[in-house]
Amino acid sequence: GGTAYQTDAGACADYDSVIGMDKEEPLRRFTTRISRERYKPASGAATICGVYVESDDATGLAKRIEPIRMGGRLAPVVPQVESLVRAFS
């Protein structure tokens, strides 16, 4: 056990998007530096990504850390945790 560290804890958006927006306008702005229209929400299937951390109550240190991915196009990963199994069954 020890310190759990992850640089990006998660997201909830269409996988084929830019921060949940249709990717065309953000990519155009990035490549041309010209803004043409407002961002539009992406309409694809949402993917929820996050992290599960189990900590020691006495020390506060991490005992276990695992990714969580559900929905969308990425392969699903749900840690085997009794409370999560009940919630998503």
Protein backbone atom coordinates (compact mmCIF):
# COMPACT_ATOMS: atom_id res chain seq x y z
CA GLY A 1 0.00 0.00 0.00
CA GLY A 2 1.03 3.57 -0.50
CA THR A 3 0.22 6.70 -2.41
CA ALA A 4 -2.23 6.31 -5.31
CA TYR A 5 -1.47 8.60 -8.25
CA GLN A 6 -3.20 9.17 -11.56
CA THR A 7 -2.65 12.27 -13.71
CA ASP A 8 -6.16 12.40 -15.17
CA ALA A 9 -8.93 10.99 -12.98
CA GLY A 10 -11.56 10.69 -15.67
CA ALA A 11 -14.04 12.02 -18.15
CA CYS A 12 -17.63 11.62 -19.24
CA ALA A 13 -18.12 12.31 -22.95
CA ASP A 14 -18.37 10.92 -26.46
CA TYR A 15 -15.01 9.19 -27.07
CA ASP A 16 -14.81 10.66 -30.59
CA SER A 17 -15.09 14.28 -29.41
CA VAL A 18 -13.10 17.19 -28.00
CA ILE A 19 -14.10 17.64 -24.35
CA GLY A 20 -17.60 16.41 -25.18
CA MET A 21 -18.09 18.69 -28.19
CA ASP A 22 -18.36 17.78 -31.88
CA LYS A 23 -14.70 17.68 -32.90
CA GLU A 24 -14.88 19.62 -36.20
CA GLU A 25 -14.94 23.22 -34.87
CA PRO A 26 -12.35 22.74 -32.09
CA LEU A 27 -9.95 21.08 -34.55
CA ARG A 28 -10.53 23.84 -37.12
CA ARG A 29 -9.83 26.53 -34.50
CA PHE A 30 -6.67 24.77 -33.39
CA THR A 31 -5.28 24.33 -36.90
CA THR A 32 -6.36 27.67 -38.45
CA ARG A 33 -6.62 29.92 -35.37
CA ILE A 34 -9.96 31.11 -36.83
CA SER A 35 -13.28 30.77 -35.02
CA ARG A 36 -16.22 30.16 -37.38
CA GLU A 37 -19.07 28.84 -35.26
CA ARG A 38 -20.01 27.85 -31.74
CA TYR A 39 -19.08 24.47 -30.36
CA LYS A 40 -21.86 21.88 -30.66
CA PRO A 41 -22.33 18.99 -28.22
CA ALA A 42 -21.16 15.64 -29.57
CA SER A 43 -23.97 13.19 -30.23
CA GLY A 44 -22.14 9.85 -29.97
CA ALA A 45 -22.39 7.29 -27.20
CA ALA A 46 -20.97 8.56 -23.92
CA THR A 47 -18.04 6.88 -22.22
CA ILE A 48 -17.57 7.26 -18.48
CA CYS A 49 -13.97 6.91 -17.27
CA GLY A 50 -12.71 7.20 -13.75
CA VAL A 51 -10.67 5.52 -11.07
CA TYR A 52 -11.51 3.40 -8.03
CA VAL A 53 -9.23 3.84 -5.02
CA GLU A 54 -9.58 1.68 -1.92
CA SER A 55 -7.82 3.18 1.08
CA ASP A 56 -6.79 1.94 4.49
CA ASP A 57 -9.04 3.53 7.13
CA ALA A 58 -6.25 3.62 9.72
CA THR A 59 -3.44 5.09 7.60
CA GLY A 60 -5.28 6.76 4.71
CA LEU A 61 -2.87 5.09 2.28
CA ALA A 62 -4.06 3.45 -0.91
CA LYS A 63 -4.56 -0.30 -0.75
CA ARG A 64 -5.83 -0.68 -4.30
CA ILE A 65 -6.32 1.51 -7.39
CA GLU A 66 -8.08 0.40 -10.60
CA PRO A 67 -9.56 2.08 -13.69
CA ILE A 68 -13.30 2.29 -14.36
CA ARG A 69 -14.62 2.49 -17.95
CA MET A 70 -18.24 2.09 -18.99
CA GLY A 71 -20.22 2.72 -22.18
CA GLY A 72 -19.16 4.05 -25.54
CA ARG A 73 -16.45 2.43 -27.64
CA LEU A 74 -13.78 1.55 -25.07
CA ALA A 75 -13.58 -1.92 -23.53
CA PRO A 76 -15.48 -1.86 -20.22
CA VAL A 77 -13.54 -2.21 -16.97
CA VAL A 78 -15.38 -2.34 -13.64
CA PRO A 79 -13.41 -3.38 -10.55
CA GLN A 80 -14.86 -6.24 -8.53
CA VAL A 81 -16.02 -4.28 -5.50
CA GLU A 82 -19.04 -5.48 -3.54
CA SER A 83 -20.73 -2.04 -3.36
CA LEU A 84 -20.14 -1.37 -7.10
CA VAL A 85 -21.41 -4.80 -8.13
CA ARG A 86 -24.69 -4.12 -6.28
CA ALA A 87 -25.02 -0.59 -7.70
CA PHE A 88 -24.55 -1.59 -11.35
CA SER A 89 -26.34 -4.95 -11.36
